[in-house]
Amino acid sequence: MYKTVMIPIDMAHIEEGKAMVEAAKVHAAKDARIILLNVVEEVPSYVAAELPSGILDKSKESAFQELKAVVEEAGIEADVEIRAGHPYRTILEAAEDDKVDLIIIASHKPGLQDYFLGSTAARVVRHASCSVLVVR
C-alpha cells in the first residue's frame, strides 16, 4: 500500500480523473495522503498580453473547484494542487516535492504526434522516480 498518492488530472478529461480516484482508493494505505493535481500550461508572454485580465487566475480557480467536487463526490480526503508549467515536468516536480510513492495517471488513445513526441503519461512513466499506475 502506498502512503502518498498523486493523481494528475487534465480538466478536459475529468471523467478519467474520477476513475483514477477510484484506483487510488484501492492502492492507497488507510492513512495515505492523496493529492489531486492539475497543471495549467503556461502561456507565452506575448499570448498572455492579449488575453483578458485575470483569465488565467479564473481558470486556476475553476480547476480547483472542479477537483474539490471530485474529492467530495468520491467521499475521500484529498489535497488539491493547481500548478503552472509544462505538464510532465510539473507532475514530476510535484511528485518530488510531495515525496509521492505512486502516481496514478490516465492515458488516452495516442494521436500521430504522440508517436513522435510521447504523451504526458509516457514521459511520466519514463522519468518518474516512484511507481506509476497508468489507467486506460
Protein backbone atom coordinates (compact mmCIF):
# COMPACT_ATOMS: atom_id res chain seq x y z
CA MET A 1 0.00 0.00 0.00
CA TYR A 2 1.19 3.49 -0.83
CA LYS A 3 1.45 6.35 1.70
CA THR A 4 1.36 9.30 -0.73
CA VAL A 5 -0.56 9.05 -3.99
CA MET A 6 -0.70 11.76 -6.65
CA ILE A 7 -3.39 11.90 -9.31
CA PRO A 8 -2.65 14.41 -12.09
CA ILE A 9 -5.93 15.27 -13.79
CA ASP A 10 -6.42 17.00 -17.13
CA MET A 11 -9.60 19.06 -16.79
CA ALA A 12 -10.52 18.15 -20.38
CA HIS A 13 -10.72 14.51 -19.22
CA ILE A 14 -12.37 14.88 -15.80
CA GLU A 15 -14.25 11.56 -16.15
CA GLU A 16 -10.94 9.70 -16.38
CA GLY A 17 -9.94 11.58 -13.23
CA LYS A 18 -12.85 10.05 -11.38
CA ALA A 19 -11.69 6.56 -12.41
CA MET A 20 -8.19 7.37 -11.18
CA VAL A 21 -9.58 8.42 -7.79
CA GLU A 22 -11.27 5.02 -7.54
CA ALA A 23 -7.92 3.36 -8.34
CA ALA A 24 -6.31 5.43 -5.59
CA LYS A 25 -8.84 4.10 -3.09
CA VAL A 26 -7.66 0.58 -3.92
CA HIS A 27 -3.90 1.24 -3.84
CA ALA A 28 -3.57 3.82 -1.07
CA ALA A 29 -2.91 2.86 2.53
CA LYS A 30 -5.66 3.61 5.03
CA ASP A 31 -3.95 6.79 6.29
CA ALA A 32 -2.46 7.77 2.91
CA ARG A 33 -2.21 11.30 1.63
CA ILE A 34 -3.95 11.65 -1.74
CA ILE A 35 -3.16 14.65 -3.92
CA LEU A 36 -5.18 15.70 -6.96
CA LEU A 37 -3.04 17.83 -9.25
CA ASN A 38 -3.96 19.95 -12.24
CA VAL A 39 -1.26 21.57 -14.33
CA VAL A 40 -2.25 24.74 -16.12
CA GLU A 41 0.05 25.04 -19.07
CA GLU A 42 1.99 28.29 -19.10
CA VAL A 43 1.11 30.70 -21.86
CA PRO A 44 3.87 32.61 -23.64
CA SER A 45 4.00 36.24 -22.52
CA TYR A 46 3.10 37.57 -25.97
CA VAL A 47 -0.11 35.49 -25.86
CA ALA A 48 -0.86 36.33 -22.23
CA ALA A 49 -0.72 40.04 -23.09
CA GLU A 50 -3.67 39.54 -25.47
CA LEU A 51 -5.82 37.58 -23.01
CA PRO A 52 -8.47 39.28 -20.90
CA SER A 53 -7.23 40.35 -17.48
CA GLY A 54 -7.47 37.62 -14.84
CA ILE A 55 -8.47 34.80 -17.19
CA LEU A 56 -5.60 32.54 -16.07
CA ASP A 57 -6.49 33.08 -12.40
CA LYS A 58 -10.13 32.27 -13.20
CA SER A 59 -9.01 29.11 -15.00
CA LYS A 60 -6.97 28.00 -11.97
CA GLU A 61 -9.86 28.73 -9.58
CA SER A 62 -12.31 26.85 -11.80
CA ALA A 63 -9.98 23.81 -11.91
CA PHE A 64 -9.58 23.95 -8.13
CA GLN A 65 -13.35 23.96 -7.58
CA GLU A 66 -13.92 21.10 -10.06
CA LEU A 67 -11.27 18.96 -8.37
CA LYS A 68 -12.76 19.73 -4.95
CA ALA A 69 -16.10 18.48 -6.31
CA VAL A 70 -14.43 15.24 -7.48
CA VAL A 71 -13.00 14.75 -3.99
CA GLU A 72 -16.38 15.33 -2.35
CA GLU A 73 -18.17 13.03 -4.80
CA ALA A 74 -15.63 10.26 -4.14
CA GLY A 75 -16.04 10.62 -0.38
CA ILE A 76 -12.34 10.85 0.34
CA GLU A 77 -10.00 13.31 1.97
CA ALA A 78 -7.52 14.68 -0.52
CA ASP A 79 -5.40 17.74 -1.16
CA VAL A 80 -5.91 19.70 -4.36
CA GLU A 81 -2.96 21.40 -6.03
CA ILE A 82 -3.00 23.66 -9.07
CA ARG A 83 0.39 24.38 -10.62
CA ALA A 84 1.51 26.17 -13.74
CA GLY A 85 4.10 24.77 -16.10
CA HIS A 86 4.77 22.13 -18.71
CA PRO A 87 2.57 19.13 -17.76
CA TYR A 88 5.00 16.23 -17.47
CA ARG A 89 7.81 18.28 -15.91
CA THR A 90 5.44 19.87 -13.42
CA ILE A 91 3.95 16.49 -12.48
CA LEU A 92 7.43 15.10 -11.82
CA GLU A 93 8.45 18.19 -9.81
CA ALA A 94 5.27 18.00 -7.72
CA ALA A 95 5.87 14.28 -7.10
CA GLU A 96 9.39 15.05 -5.84
CA ASP A 97 8.18 18.00 -3.72
CA ASP A 98 5.44 15.92 -2.07
CA LYS A 99 7.56 12.74 -1.75
CA VAL A 100 4.98 10.72 -3.70
CA ASP A 101 5.10 6.90 -3.66
CA LEU A 102 2.63 6.39 -6.52
CA ILE A 103 1.44 8.49 -9.43
CA ILE A 104 -1.85 7.39 -10.98
CA ILE A 105 -2.14 8.88 -14.46
CA ALA A 106 -4.56 8.45 -17.34
CA SER A 107 -3.59 7.56 -20.86
CA HIS A 108 -5.91 8.03 -23.77
CA LYS A 109 -5.54 6.80 -27.32
CA PRO A 110 -2.47 8.46 -28.79
CA GLY A 111 -2.60 10.69 -31.82
CA LEU A 112 0.05 10.68 -34.52
CA GLN A 113 2.11 13.35 -32.74
CA ASP A 114 2.30 11.17 -29.61
CA TYR A 115 4.20 8.51 -31.55
CA PHE A 116 6.92 11.04 -32.32
CA LEU A 117 6.92 13.16 -29.16
CA GLY A 118 5.49 10.88 -26.49
CA SER A 119 2.40 11.58 -24.42
CA THR A 120 2.47 13.13 -20.97
CA ALA A 121 1.73 9.74 -19.41
CA ALA A 122 4.57 8.08 -21.33
CA ARG A 123 7.03 10.75 -20.25
CA VAL A 124 5.92 10.48 -16.62
CA VAL A 125 6.35 6.69 -16.76
CA ARG A 126 9.84 7.00 -18.22
CA HIS A 127 11.12 9.69 -15.86
CA ALA A 128 9.31 9.24 -12.53
CA SER A 129 11.38 8.15 -9.55
CA CYS A 130 8.36 6.44 -7.98
CA SER A 131 5.82 3.85 -9.10
CA VAL A 132 3.36 4.88 -11.81
CA LEU A 133 -0.01 3.29 -12.48
CA VAL A 134 -1.47 4.08 -15.90
CA VAL A 135 -5.27 3.95 -16.12
CA ARG A 136 -6.74 3.46 -19.53
